[in-house]
């Protein structure tokens, strides 16, 4: 932290040190200063022209406290899908304020999120399809906590998203037909996007999952498209891991339905973790030692009531995490067996 302050003293306009310092402030609960400093991220000048932040900047000015009477405010996707799922919970709260001023709030998200988030907030369009018309102001999704002056004690962890009931029922049928003898059907995410800044820290090598994948009577389902080669290796090693992501037709709405049909999700810190928590599904989150700010420094969190965290005791040590998650799934199977009449 001292080093970051020194860097900003040398160059007050440096974006990366300011964002990293905001990360530390948010991590320890200093949210008044942390959310304000986190706005520095919007000063980046390396975004591609088709980046959603760039697109919205060309469409209308960012709202900076102006009155919204008779105006339209667009709250839009900004960082990753997980960040959108994480913060969209606060859209209705801001929308109520906007309506009280006599304005309208439109939620504008990536196409892969629109069907799912459209059930949560009806006035929702995709950035690819629109139509947005001529909105008056925009607000990036990750600025919602600043505008609402969010504090740690205000966070609630109840479920707020829901899957399409018909799709979820179809997925239940598929899973039972696919692995009828399995006592648990568990989603699995062990690697994230390789372009993520911290992906080498948060992703887990396939071999490290061996104790987990060796669990008897458990069928695992990869929830990440593009991992078919890894799944093929796991299957060749005798593990019950399936890749059904080819059935995903409408982005994260299909992932949500798949998740709803599963008994649990084991995942690294990636978008499915937020999705599972927002749906209220049992989630076992495997964290690297120094993870995303939202998870603090321990294994407690207020964001999702259904999320359990398992953190590396030291950087790079995944074995203790996998061992504990394996034991937790065994406990779930034991609980399930004891509940059978």
Protein backbone atom coordinates (compact mmCIF):
# COMPACT_ATOMS: atom_id res chain seq x y z
CA UNK A 1 0.00 0.00 0.00
CA UNK A 2 2.86 2.37 0.82
CA UNK A 3 4.44 1.59 -2.54
CA UNK A 4 1.19 2.41 -4.35
CA UNK A 5 0.91 5.74 -2.53
CA UNK A 6 4.48 6.53 -3.59
CA UNK A 7 3.68 5.64 -7.18
CA UNK A 8 0.68 7.99 -7.16
CA UNK A 9 2.73 10.73 -5.57
CA UNK A 10 5.17 10.43 -8.47
CA UNK A 11 2.35 10.31 -11.05
CA UNK A 12 -1.11 11.31 -9.72
CA UNK A 13 -2.71 10.31 -13.04
CA UNK A 14 -1.41 6.74 -13.13
CA UNK A 15 -4.38 4.39 -13.51
CA UNK A 16 -3.00 1.00 -12.44
CA UNK A 17 -1.63 2.06 -9.02
CA UNK A 18 -4.89 3.87 -8.26
CA UNK A 19 -7.00 0.83 -9.17
CA UNK A 20 -4.72 -1.47 -7.18
CA UNK A 21 -4.94 0.85 -4.18
CA UNK A 22 -8.73 0.88 -4.51
CA UNK A 23 -8.59 -2.92 -4.49
CA UNK A 24 -6.81 -2.84 -1.12
CA UNK A 25 -9.29 -0.33 0.30
CA UNK A 26 -12.29 -2.35 -0.85
CA UNK A 27 -10.70 -5.57 0.45
CA UNK A 28 -10.43 -4.20 3.99
CA UNK A 29 -13.84 -2.51 3.98
CA UNK A 30 -12.80 1.11 3.44
CA UNK A 31 -15.54 1.52 0.86
CA UNK A 32 -16.11 5.29 1.00
CA UNK A 33 -12.61 5.96 -0.29
CA UNK A 34 -12.32 2.66 -2.20
CA UNK A 35 -15.33 3.09 -4.48
CA UNK A 36 -14.37 6.67 -5.23
CA UNK A 37 -10.80 5.72 -6.11
CA UNK A 38 -12.02 2.77 -8.19
CA UNK A 39 -13.54 5.25 -10.64
CA UNK A 40 -9.99 5.82 -11.87
CA UNK A 41 -10.39 2.63 -13.93
CA UNK A 42 -12.54 4.62 -16.36
CA UNK A 43 -9.54 6.78 -17.28
CA UNK A 44 -7.91 3.89 -19.15
CA UNK A 45 -7.03 4.85 -22.73
CA UNK A 46 -6.26 1.36 -24.08
CA UNK A 47 -9.80 0.11 -24.73
CA UNK A 48 -10.69 -1.15 -28.18
CA UNK A 49 -13.29 0.88 -30.15
CA UNK A 50 -15.80 -1.98 -29.84
CA UNK A 51 -15.37 -2.26 -26.06
CA UNK A 52 -18.72 -1.58 -24.40
CA UNK A 53 -17.29 1.32 -22.39
CA UNK A 54 -16.01 2.91 -25.62
CA UNK A 55 -19.33 2.33 -27.36
CA UNK A 56 -21.31 3.94 -24.55
CA UNK A 57 -18.91 6.89 -24.35
CA UNK A 58 -19.64 7.66 -28.00
CA UNK A 59 -23.38 7.30 -27.47
CA UNK A 60 -23.94 9.61 -24.51
CA UNK A 61 -22.10 11.29 -21.61
CA UNK A 62 -21.51 9.54 -18.33
CA UNK A 63 -23.83 10.71 -15.61
CA UNK A 64 -22.12 12.81 -12.95
CA UNK A 65 -25.00 13.69 -10.68
CA UNK A 66 -27.23 15.54 -13.16
CA UNK A 67 -30.99 15.51 -12.56
CA UNK A 68 -32.79 12.72 -14.38
CA UNK A 69 -36.27 14.26 -14.64
CA UNK A 70 -37.51 13.38 -18.12
CA UNK A 71 -34.18 11.69 -18.90
CA UNK A 72 -33.02 8.16 -19.67
CA UNK A 73 -30.08 6.67 -17.81
CA UNK A 74 -28.40 3.55 -19.23
CA UNK A 75 -26.59 1.29 -16.75
CA UNK A 76 -24.32 -0.91 -18.83
CA UNK A 77 -21.96 -3.86 -18.74
CA UNK A 78 -18.36 -2.91 -18.15
CA UNK A 79 -15.87 -5.48 -16.89
CA UNK A 80 -16.46 -9.25 -16.95
CA UNK A 81 -19.71 -11.22 -16.88
CA UNK A 82 -19.03 -12.12 -13.26
CA UNK A 83 -18.78 -8.46 -12.32
CA UNK A 84 -22.09 -7.74 -14.05
CA UNK A 85 -23.81 -10.59 -12.22
CA UNK A 86 -22.22 -9.45 -8.97
CA UNK A 87 -23.45 -5.86 -9.17
CA UNK A 88 -26.70 -6.08 -11.14
CA UNK A 89 -28.45 -6.72 -7.82
CA UNK A 90 -28.29 -2.95 -7.21
CA UNK A 91 -30.01 -1.91 -10.45
CA UNK A 92 -33.56 -1.97 -9.00
CA UNK A 93 -32.46 0.21 -6.08
CA UNK A 94 -31.05 2.86 -8.40
CA UNK A 95 -34.02 2.49 -10.79
CA UNK A 96 -36.37 3.40 -7.94
CA UNK A 97 -34.42 6.61 -7.36
CA UNK A 98 -34.43 7.40 -11.07
CA UNK A 99 -38.20 6.90 -11.28
CA UNK A 100 -38.68 9.10 -8.22
CA UNK A 101 -36.88 11.86 -10.13
CA UNK A 102 -39.15 11.33 -13.12
CA UNK A 103 -36.62 9.46 -15.26
CA UNK A 104 -36.11 5.98 -16.71
CA UNK A 105 -33.32 3.46 -16.15
CA UNK A 106 -32.46 1.03 -18.95
CA UNK A 107 -30.15 -1.90 -18.28
CA UNK A 108 -27.86 -2.60 -21.24
CA UNK A 109 -25.77 -5.78 -21.08
CA UNK A 110 -23.88 -8.13 -23.35
CA UNK A 111 -26.07 -10.40 -25.44
CA UNK A 112 -24.96 -13.49 -23.53
CA UNK A 113 -26.44 -12.01 -20.34
CA UNK A 114 -29.63 -10.39 -21.63
CA UNK A 115 -32.14 -13.28 -21.32
CA UNK A 116 -30.99 -14.03 -17.77
CA UNK A 117 -30.85 -10.45 -16.52
CA UNK A 118 -34.00 -9.52 -18.42
CA UNK A 119 -35.96 -11.74 -16.03
CA UNK A 120 -34.45 -9.83 -13.11
CA UNK A 121 -34.96 -6.33 -14.52
CA UNK A 122 -37.51 -6.06 -17.29
CA UNK A 123 -36.25 -2.90 -19.01
CA UNK A 124 -33.13 -4.71 -20.23
CA UNK A 125 -31.59 -4.77 -23.72
CA UNK A 126 -28.41 -6.20 -25.21
CA UNK A 127 -25.63 -3.90 -26.34
CA UNK A 128 -25.42 -5.83 -29.62
CA UNK A 129 -29.12 -5.70 -30.49
CA UNK A 130 -30.50 -2.61 -28.73
CA UNK A 131 -32.50 -0.60 -29.45
CA UNK A 132 -31.21 2.10 -27.12
CA UNK A 133 -32.42 5.12 -29.03
CA UNK A 134 -30.82 8.31 -27.77
CA UNK A 135 -30.23 7.97 -24.01
CA UNK A 136 -29.22 11.04 -22.04
CA UNK A 137 -26.66 9.56 -19.68
CA UNK A 138 -24.79 6.33 -19.01
CA UNK A 139 -23.38 4.66 -15.92
CA UNK A 140 -20.98 1.68 -15.87
CA UNK A 141 -22.18 -1.28 -13.81
CA UNK A 142 -19.25 -1.14 -11.41
CA UNK A 143 -20.10 2.46 -10.49
CA UNK A 144 -23.40 1.44 -8.89
CA UNK A 145 -21.90 1.02 -5.39
CA UNK A 146 -20.40 4.52 -5.53
CA UNK A 147 -23.65 6.15 -6.66
CA UNK A 148 -25.56 4.28 -3.94
CA UNK A 149 -22.86 4.90 -1.31
CA UNK A 150 -22.76 1.18 -0.60
CA UNK A 151 -21.14 0.11 2.68
CA UNK A 152 -20.10 -3.41 3.78
CA UNK A 153 -22.85 -3.73 6.37
CA UNK A 154 -25.49 -3.16 3.68
CA UNK A 155 -24.57 -6.24 1.63
CA UNK A 156 -27.17 -9.01 1.64
CA UNK A 157 -26.52 -12.51 0.31
CA UNK A 158 -29.95 -13.80 -0.70
CA UNK A 159 -30.55 -15.20 -4.20
CA UNK A 160 -31.78 -12.66 -6.75
CA UNK A 161 -31.54 -14.33 -10.16
CA UNK A 162 -33.59 -17.25 -11.46
CA UNK A 163 -33.17 -19.62 -14.36
CA UNK A 164 -35.78 -20.31 -17.02
CA UNK A 165 -37.93 -22.99 -15.36
CA UNK A 166 -38.57 -24.90 -18.60
CA UNK A 167 -34.89 -25.01 -19.50
CA UNK A 168 -33.95 -26.12 -15.98
CA UNK A 169 -36.45 -28.99 -16.19
CA UNK A 170 -34.95 -30.11 -19.50
CA UNK A 171 -31.47 -30.04 -18.00
CA UNK A 172 -32.61 -32.21 -15.08
CA UNK A 173 -33.85 -34.80 -17.55
CA UNK A 174 -30.59 -34.67 -19.51
CA UNK A 175 -28.43 -35.11 -16.42
CA UNK A 176 -30.39 -38.05 -15.05
CA UNK A 177 -30.31 -39.72 -18.45
CA UNK A 178 -26.61 -38.95 -18.92
CA UNK A 179 -25.40 -40.33 -15.57
CA UNK A 180 -28.33 -42.16 -13.96
CA UNK A 181 -26.21 -43.86 -11.29
CA UNK A 182 -24.61 -40.68 -9.96
CA UNK A 183 -25.59 -39.62 -6.46
CA UNK A 184 -24.35 -36.08 -7.07
CA UNK A 185 -24.31 -34.04 -10.26
CA UNK A 186 -21.70 -31.30 -9.81
CA UNK A 187 -20.66 -28.43 -12.03
CA UNK A 188 -16.92 -27.90 -12.40
CA UNK A 189 -14.88 -24.85 -13.42
CA UNK A 190 -11.13 -25.19 -12.97
CA UNK A 191 -9.80 -22.59 -15.43
CA UNK A 192 -10.83 -19.11 -16.51
CA UNK A 193 -10.11 -16.84 -19.43
CA UNK A 194 -6.38 -16.83 -20.21
CA UNK A 195 -6.56 -13.09 -20.91
CA UNK A 196 -7.61 -12.34 -17.31
CA UNK A 197 -4.95 -10.39 -15.45
CA UNK A 198 -4.74 -12.97 -12.65
CA UNK A 199 -5.63 -16.14 -14.50
CA UNK A 200 -2.33 -17.88 -13.76
CA UNK A 201 -3.09 -17.47 -10.04
CA UNK A 202 -6.79 -18.42 -10.01
CA UNK A 203 -6.80 -21.35 -12.48
CA UNK A 204 -5.95 -24.89 -11.38
CA UNK A 205 -3.86 -27.42 -13.28
CA UNK A 206 -5.87 -30.44 -14.40
CA UNK A 207 -3.67 -32.87 -12.49
CA UNK A 208 -4.32 -31.10 -9.18
CA UNK A 209 -7.99 -32.09 -9.42
CA UNK A 210 -7.28 -35.83 -9.25
CA UNK A 211 -8.57 -36.39 -5.67
CA UNK A 212 -11.78 -34.55 -6.46
CA UNK A 213 -12.40 -36.30 -9.77
CA UNK A 214 -11.79 -39.69 -8.16
CA UNK A 215 -14.87 -39.37 -5.97
CA UNK A 216 -17.18 -42.33 -6.49
CA UNK A 217 -20.81 -41.75 -7.43
CA UNK A 218 -20.21 -38.15 -8.54
CA UNK A 219 -20.68 -36.93 -12.10
CA UNK A 220 -18.90 -33.69 -12.97
CA UNK A 221 -19.93 -31.30 -15.73
CA UNK A 222 -17.64 -28.72 -17.26
CA UNK A 223 -19.45 -25.39 -17.44
CA UNK A 224 -16.81 -23.64 -19.53
CA UNK A 225 -17.08 -23.89 -23.33
CA UNK A 226 -13.79 -24.62 -25.08
CA UNK A 227 -12.47 -27.18 -22.56
CA UNK A 228 -13.39 -30.29 -24.54
CA UNK A 229 -9.75 -31.37 -24.91
CA UNK A 230 -9.21 -31.26 -21.15
CA UNK A 231 -12.43 -33.16 -20.54
CA UNK A 232 -11.35 -35.81 -23.06
CA UNK A 233 -8.12 -36.35 -21.10
CA UNK A 234 -10.02 -36.60 -17.81
CA UNK A 235 -12.44 -39.10 -19.33
CA UNK A 236 -9.55 -41.16 -20.74
CA UNK A 237 -8.16 -41.32 -17.20
CA UNK A 238 -11.38 -42.92 -16.03
CA UNK A 239 -13.06 -39.90 -14.48
CA UNK A 240 -16.74 -39.11 -14.88
CA UNK A 241 -16.46 -35.64 -16.40
CA UNK A 242 -18.83 -34.52 -19.12
CA UNK A 243 -18.83 -31.57 -21.48
CA UNK A 244 -22.37 -30.63 -22.51
CA UNK A 245 -21.60 -27.00 -23.29
CA UNK A 246 -22.45 -27.60 -26.95
CA UNK A 247 -26.07 -27.46 -25.78
CA UNK A 248 -25.64 -23.85 -24.64
CA UNK A 249 -27.57 -21.76 -27.18
CA UNK A 250 -28.31 -18.51 -25.32
CA UNK A 251 -25.17 -17.82 -23.33
CA UNK A 252 -25.37 -17.61 -19.56
CA UNK A 253 -29.10 -18.25 -19.55
CA UNK A 254 -28.32 -21.85 -20.49
CA UNK A 255 -25.54 -22.02 -17.90
CA UNK A 256 -28.05 -20.80 -15.29
CA UNK A 257 -30.51 -23.54 -16.25
CA UNK A 258 -27.75 -26.16 -16.16
CA UNK A 259 -26.62 -24.90 -12.74
CA UNK A 260 -30.14 -25.01 -11.38
CA UNK A 261 -30.38 -28.67 -12.33
CA UNK A 262 -27.11 -29.56 -10.58
CA UNK A 263 -26.66 -30.49 -6.93
CA UNK A 264 -23.65 -28.22 -6.46
CA UNK A 265 -20.93 -26.25 -8.21
CA UNK A 266 -17.18 -26.46 -7.63
CA UNK A 267 -15.44 -23.51 -9.22
CA UNK A 268 -12.52 -21.15 -9.20
CA UNK A 269 -13.20 -17.42 -8.91
CA UNK A 270 -14.89 -16.94 -12.27
CA UNK A 271 -18.28 -15.86 -13.62
CA UNK A 272 -20.02 -19.19 -12.77
CA UNK A 273 -19.17 -18.61 -9.10
CA UNK A 274 -21.18 -15.38 -9.13
CA UNK A 275 -23.91 -16.98 -11.20
CA UNK A 276 -24.29 -19.92 -8.82
CA UNK A 277 -24.38 -17.61 -5.82
CA UNK A 278 -26.89 -15.25 -7.42
CA UNK A 279 -29.12 -18.26 -8.18
CA UNK A 280 -28.82 -19.50 -4.60
CA UNK A 281 -27.23 -22.79 -5.64
CA UNK A 282 -24.65 -24.54 -3.40
CA UNK A 283 -21.25 -23.25 -4.53
CA UNK A 284 -17.82 -24.37 -3.32
CA UNK A 285 -15.41 -21.62 -4.34
CA UNK A 286 -11.71 -22.46 -4.66
CA UNK A 287 -9.67 -19.30 -4.10
CA UNK A 288 -6.03 -18.51 -4.66
CA UNK A 289 -4.24 -17.08 -1.63
CA UNK A 290 -4.67 -13.41 -2.57
CA UNK A 291 -7.93 -13.41 -4.47
CA UNK A 292 -10.43 -10.84 -5.73
CA UNK A 293 -11.11 -7.99 -3.26
CA UNK A 294 -14.73 -9.11 -2.73
CA UNK A 295 -13.57 -12.21 -0.81
CA UNK A 296 -11.40 -10.31 1.67
CA UNK A 297 -8.52 -12.23 3.21
CA UNK A 298 -10.32 -15.08 4.95
CA UNK A 299 -13.10 -17.53 4.09
CA UNK A 300 -16.15 -15.52 5.07
CA UNK A 301 -18.17 -13.30 2.75
CA UNK A 302 -21.58 -11.62 2.72
CA UNK A 303 -22.29 -11.51 -1.01
CA UNK A 304 -23.87 -14.95 -1.46
CA UNK A 305 -25.49 -17.01 1.29
CA UNK A 306 -25.03 -20.26 -0.65
CA UNK A 307 -21.29 -19.79 -1.29
CA UNK A 308 -18.59 -21.53 0.76
CA UNK A 309 -14.98 -20.41 0.28
CA UNK A 310 -11.86 -22.56 0.38
CA UNK A 311 -8.66 -20.49 0.22
CA UNK A 312 -5.08 -21.54 -0.48
CA UNK A 313 -3.12 -21.50 2.83
CA UNK A 314 -0.08 -20.26 0.90
CA UNK A 315 0.36 -18.98 -2.67
CA UNK A 316 0.21 -21.79 -5.20
CA UNK A 317 -0.96 -24.47 -2.76
CA UNK A 318 -4.01 -26.02 -4.38
CA UNK A 319 -3.71 -29.48 -2.81
CA UNK A 320 -5.19 -28.48 0.59
CA UNK A 321 -8.04 -26.68 -1.18
CA UNK A 322 -8.90 -29.66 -3.37
CA UNK A 323 -8.69 -31.97 -0.35
CA UNK A 324 -11.15 -29.86 1.66
CA UNK A 325 -13.56 -29.47 -1.26
CA UNK A 326 -13.46 -33.23 -1.82
CA UNK A 327 -14.32 -33.78 1.84
CA UNK A 328 -17.17 -31.27 1.58
CA UNK A 329 -18.71 -33.14 -1.36
CA UNK A 330 -18.38 -36.38 0.58
CA UNK A 331 -20.25 -34.71 3.45
CA UNK A 332 -22.97 -33.60 1.04
CA UNK A 333 -23.41 -37.17 -0.15
CA UNK A 334 -23.56 -38.38 3.44
CA UNK A 335 -26.19 -35.76 4.29
CA UNK A 336 -28.18 -36.78 1.23
CA UNK A 337 -28.03 -40.43 2.21
CA UNK A 338 -29.15 -39.71 5.77
CA UNK A 339 -32.18 -37.82 4.44
CA UNK A 340 -33.38 -40.77 2.36
CA UNK A 341 -36.41 -42.42 3.95
